[in-house]
Amino acid sequence: LVMVICMMPVMAFAGTAPAYSDIAGEKCEASVELLTELGVVDGYTDGTFKPAKVVTRAEMAKLIVTALGLNPTTGSTSFKDMAAAQWAIPSVGYAESLGIINGYGNGKFGPNDKVTYDQAITMIVRALGYTTDCNEMQGTWPAVFVQKANELGLLKDVSTTGSSGANRGDIAIMLANALHVQMVYADKDGTTIGKTDADGKTAVTMYSTLVKGAGMYYGVVDAADTANA
């Protein structure tokens, strides 16, 4: 039995992706252009993307929520140190409600602190549904999340993990790598279950939420299928 993954429909963008002046030839180029077309990331008014610029924790929350196809404009958060990043409160609050982000304790989130690679990896893995509600995610942080990210292919073309600040280029690569990964949830027993559409066959992904009607169809290839291949 062969598991077939078939993308449908093929994405066709109108026009061409913005050509940022500072990503040509960079490893993040394709990821940045794809995420720009999907409306997840954008550049600066001077036509640059600044791939080496470190992302803040508030910016990371916004990126995650946007990659999930959400655009909250109102809301609140339990964190008490958001005065310097009020623009991010709706996104931070939403990410908090989904269990994607945690603070430092004592009501602090540190919105303008750099987001480390380990923190960014954790947020993306949680956004896909792999939270500590899943039995398989019970382990030492950040190792359990980095391991899952490797397993899911999120770190392809990203060589850095750890406590250094994650830059815009690498964040774009990780988010692009996550687009077609099937999202999951934990059932009442903590078993990880893949999310599907109502048909029970089409996997729910970040991509399918951003591009309505796109998805990943899982099916079994039988002898007749292989004979006609």
Protein backbone atom coordinates (compact mmCIF):
# COMPACT_ATOMS: atom_id res chain seq x y z
CA LEU A 1 0.00 0.00 0.00
CA VAL A 2 1.35 3.35 -1.00
CA MET A 3 0.38 6.62 0.66
CA VAL A 4 -0.14 9.26 -1.98
CA ILE A 5 0.05 12.94 -1.26
CA CYS A 6 -1.50 15.03 -3.99
CA MET A 7 -1.61 18.78 -3.81
CA MET A 8 -4.84 20.32 -5.06
CA PRO A 9 -5.24 22.70 -6.55
CA VAL A 10 -1.86 23.80 -7.80
CA MET A 11 -1.23 27.30 -6.51
CA ALA A 12 -1.15 29.93 -9.21
CA PHE A 13 -0.26 33.41 -8.05
CA ALA A 14 -1.38 36.45 -9.93
CA GLY A 15 1.62 38.47 -10.94
CA THR A 16 5.12 37.94 -9.65
CA ALA A 17 6.42 37.93 -6.12
CA PRO A 18 7.94 41.18 -4.89
CA ALA A 19 11.65 41.29 -5.61
CA TYR A 20 13.21 42.49 -2.39
CA SER A 21 16.55 44.07 -3.08
CA ASP A 22 18.44 42.12 -0.41
CA ILE A 23 17.33 38.48 -0.73
CA ALA A 24 18.51 37.52 -4.22
CA GLY A 25 20.60 34.38 -3.93
CA GLU A 26 19.91 34.03 -0.20
CA LYS A 27 18.74 30.65 1.07
CA CYS A 28 15.54 32.28 2.29
CA GLU A 29 14.65 33.84 -1.07
CA ALA A 30 12.01 31.32 -2.20
CA SER A 31 10.47 31.11 1.26
CA VAL A 32 10.24 34.88 1.62
CA GLU A 33 8.64 35.30 -1.79
CA LEU A 34 6.10 32.53 -1.13
CA LEU A 35 5.15 33.90 2.27
CA THR A 36 4.89 37.40 0.81
CA GLU A 37 2.43 36.16 -1.81
CA LEU A 38 0.42 34.45 0.93
CA GLY A 39 0.36 37.65 2.97
CA VAL A 40 2.28 36.22 5.92
CA VAL A 41 5.35 38.46 5.69
CA ASP A 42 6.19 41.77 4.11
CA GLY A 43 9.21 43.97 3.69
CA TYR A 44 10.22 47.51 4.42
CA THR A 45 9.35 50.71 2.59
CA ASP A 46 12.86 50.90 1.15
CA GLY A 47 12.28 47.67 -0.78
CA THR A 48 14.32 45.46 1.52
CA PHE A 49 13.37 42.44 3.60
CA LYS A 50 16.31 42.56 6.04
CA PRO A 51 16.72 38.77 6.36
CA ALA A 52 19.46 39.12 9.00
CA LYS A 53 17.35 41.25 11.34
CA VAL A 54 16.38 39.47 14.56
CA VAL A 55 12.66 38.97 15.19
CA THR A 56 11.06 40.02 18.48
CA ARG A 57 8.71 37.83 20.49
CA ALA A 58 5.76 40.09 19.64
CA GLU A 59 6.63 39.96 15.94
CA MET A 60 6.87 36.18 16.12
CA ALA A 61 3.41 35.96 17.68
CA LYS A 62 2.03 38.09 14.85
CA LEU A 63 3.74 35.93 12.21
CA ILE A 64 2.39 32.72 13.73
CA VAL A 65 -1.18 34.00 13.96
CA THR A 66 -1.02 35.32 10.40
CA ALA A 67 0.34 31.99 9.13
CA LEU A 68 -2.72 30.35 10.67
CA GLY A 69 -4.90 32.55 8.47
CA LEU A 70 -5.99 34.81 11.31
CA ASN A 71 -5.99 38.58 11.57
CA PRO A 72 -7.29 39.60 14.99
CA THR A 73 -7.66 43.34 15.37
CA THR A 74 -9.05 43.39 18.88
CA GLY A 75 -8.52 41.32 21.97
CA SER A 76 -6.66 41.17 25.22
CA THR A 77 -3.90 39.23 26.89
CA SER A 78 -3.05 38.29 30.45
CA PHE A 79 0.47 39.65 30.04
CA LYS A 80 1.06 42.89 31.91
CA ASP A 81 4.10 44.19 30.01
CA MET A 82 2.57 44.89 26.61
CA ALA A 83 2.50 48.69 26.88
CA ALA A 84 5.52 49.01 24.59
CA ALA A 85 3.97 46.73 21.96
CA GLN A 86 0.27 47.50 22.08
CA TRP A 87 -0.03 46.85 18.34
CA ALA A 88 0.67 43.17 19.04
CA ILE A 89 -1.87 42.64 21.83
CA PRO A 90 -4.54 41.02 19.59
CA SER A 91 -2.03 38.58 18.10
CA VAL A 92 -0.29 37.85 21.38
CA GLY A 93 -3.63 37.31 23.08
CA TYR A 94 -4.83 34.97 20.36
CA ALA A 95 -1.60 32.98 20.37
CA GLU A 96 -1.81 32.78 24.14
CA SER A 97 -5.38 31.46 23.98
CA LEU A 98 -4.26 28.73 21.56
CA GLY A 99 -1.42 27.66 23.84
CA ILE A 100 1.19 28.69 21.28
CA ILE A 101 3.04 31.11 23.54
CA ASN A 102 3.90 31.27 27.21
CA GLY A 103 5.38 34.09 29.17
CA TYR A 104 8.26 34.28 31.57
CA GLY A 105 6.01 34.11 34.62
CA ASN A 106 4.73 36.92 36.82
CA GLY A 107 2.63 38.21 33.94
CA LYS A 108 5.60 38.98 31.72
CA PHE A 109 5.89 38.16 28.02
CA GLY A 110 8.83 40.33 26.96
CA PRO A 111 7.28 41.43 23.65
CA ASN A 112 10.32 43.38 22.50
CA ASP A 113 12.86 40.75 23.56
CA LYS A 114 14.54 38.82 20.79
CA VAL A 115 12.83 35.53 20.01
CA THR A 116 15.39 32.77 20.28
CA TYR A 117 15.58 29.94 17.79
CA ASP A 118 14.33 27.51 20.42
CA GLN A 119 11.38 29.77 21.25
CA ALA A 120 10.48 30.28 17.58
CA ILE A 121 10.73 26.57 16.88
CA THR A 122 8.49 25.85 19.86
CA MET A 123 5.88 28.36 18.71
CA ILE A 124 5.73 26.90 15.21
CA VAL A 125 5.50 23.32 16.47
CA ARG A 126 2.73 24.30 18.89
CA ALA A 127 0.91 26.17 16.11
CA LEU A 128 0.80 22.89 14.18
CA GLY A 129 -0.96 21.35 17.18
CA TYR A 130 1.92 19.61 18.91
CA THR A 131 1.33 21.05 22.35
CA THR A 132 2.00 19.46 25.70
CA ASP A 133 -1.55 18.10 25.55
CA CYS A 134 -0.03 15.47 23.24
CA ASN A 135 1.54 12.56 25.09
CA GLU A 136 4.42 12.52 22.64
CA MET A 137 5.36 16.09 23.56
CA GLN A 138 5.95 15.33 27.23
CA GLY A 139 9.65 15.91 27.66
CA THR A 140 12.38 18.40 28.37
CA TRP A 141 12.08 21.81 26.77
CA PRO A 142 13.37 22.76 24.24
CA ALA A 143 14.70 19.36 23.17
CA VAL A 144 11.28 17.77 22.65
CA PHE A 145 10.18 20.62 20.38
CA VAL A 146 13.44 20.79 18.42
CA GLN A 147 13.27 17.04 17.90
CA LYS A 148 9.70 17.28 16.62
CA ALA A 149 10.66 20.19 14.35
CA ASN A 150 13.43 18.06 12.85
CA GLU A 151 11.04 15.15 12.41
CA LEU A 152 8.53 17.37 10.58
CA GLY A 153 11.19 18.91 8.33
CA LEU A 154 10.77 22.40 9.74
CA LEU A 155 14.51 22.93 10.13
CA LYS A 156 15.49 22.10 6.58
CA ASP A 157 17.99 24.77 5.44
CA VAL A 158 18.15 26.16 8.99
CA SER A 159 21.39 25.30 10.74
CA THR A 160 20.92 27.24 13.98
CA THR A 161 19.04 26.36 17.13
CA GLY A 162 19.51 27.43 20.71
CA SER A 163 19.34 30.74 22.54
CA SER A 164 20.62 33.11 19.86
CA GLY A 165 18.16 35.51 18.27
CA ALA A 166 16.28 34.09 15.29
CA ASN A 167 16.51 36.22 12.16
CA ARG A 168 13.80 37.05 9.63
CA GLY A 169 15.31 34.89 6.92
CA ASP A 170 15.41 31.73 9.02
CA ILE A 171 11.95 32.37 10.45
CA ALA A 172 10.63 32.63 6.89
CA ILE A 173 12.27 29.32 5.99
CA MET A 174 10.78 27.54 9.01
CA LEU A 175 7.31 28.94 8.37
CA ALA A 176 7.48 27.98 4.69
CA ASN A 177 8.61 24.48 5.67
CA ALA A 178 5.58 24.26 7.98
CA LEU A 179 3.01 25.27 5.36
CA HIS A 180 2.24 21.78 4.04
CA VAL A 181 2.66 19.87 7.31
CA GLN A 182 -0.61 18.32 8.44
CA MET A 183 -1.91 19.98 11.57
CA VAL A 184 -2.83 17.83 14.55
CA TYR A 185 -4.69 17.86 17.84
CA ALA A 186 -4.61 15.77 21.01
CA ASP A 187 -7.63 13.63 21.81
CA LYS A 188 -8.88 13.16 25.36
CA ASP A 189 -6.28 10.45 25.93
CA GLY A 190 -3.44 12.60 24.66
CA THR A 191 -3.10 10.71 21.38
CA THR A 192 -2.00 12.87 18.45
CA ILE A 193 -4.62 12.92 15.68
CA GLY A 194 -4.15 14.46 12.24
CA LYS A 195 -6.66 17.18 11.36
CA THR A 196 -8.73 16.62 8.24
CA ASP A 197 -11.55 18.40 6.47
CA ALA A 198 -15.12 17.14 6.68
CA ASP A 199 -14.37 14.49 4.05
CA GLY A 200 -11.98 12.81 6.48
CA LYS A 201 -9.31 12.58 3.79
CA THR A 202 -8.04 16.07 3.08
CA ALA A 203 -5.38 17.16 5.54
CA VAL A 204 -5.71 20.55 7.18
CA THR A 205 -2.52 22.58 6.84
CA MET A 206 -1.47 26.17 7.28
CA TYR A 207 -1.43 26.37 3.49
CA SER A 208 -5.01 25.15 3.18
CA THR A 209 -6.20 27.80 5.62
CA LEU A 210 -4.37 30.54 3.73
CA VAL A 211 -5.47 29.31 0.29
CA LYS A 212 -9.05 28.16 0.53
CA GLY A 213 -9.69 24.94 -1.35
CA ALA A 214 -6.09 23.77 -1.31
CA GLY A 215 -5.15 20.73 0.68
CA MET A 216 -3.39 17.42 0.81
CA TYR A 217 -5.40 14.37 -0.15
CA TYR A 218 -4.41 11.03 1.33
CA GLY A 219 -5.48 7.86 -0.42
CA VAL A 220 -4.48 4.30 -1.16
CA VAL A 221 -3.10 3.35 -4.54
CA ASP A 222 -4.47 0.02 -5.78
CA ALA A 223 -3.29 -2.20 -8.62
CA ALA A 224 -5.49 -0.43 -11.16
CA ASP A 225 -4.00 2.93 -10.21
CA THR A 226 -0.44 1.70 -10.57
CA ALA A 227 -1.22 0.07 -13.90
CA ASN A 228 -2.43 3.39 -15.26
CA ALA A 229 0.38 5.45 -13.76
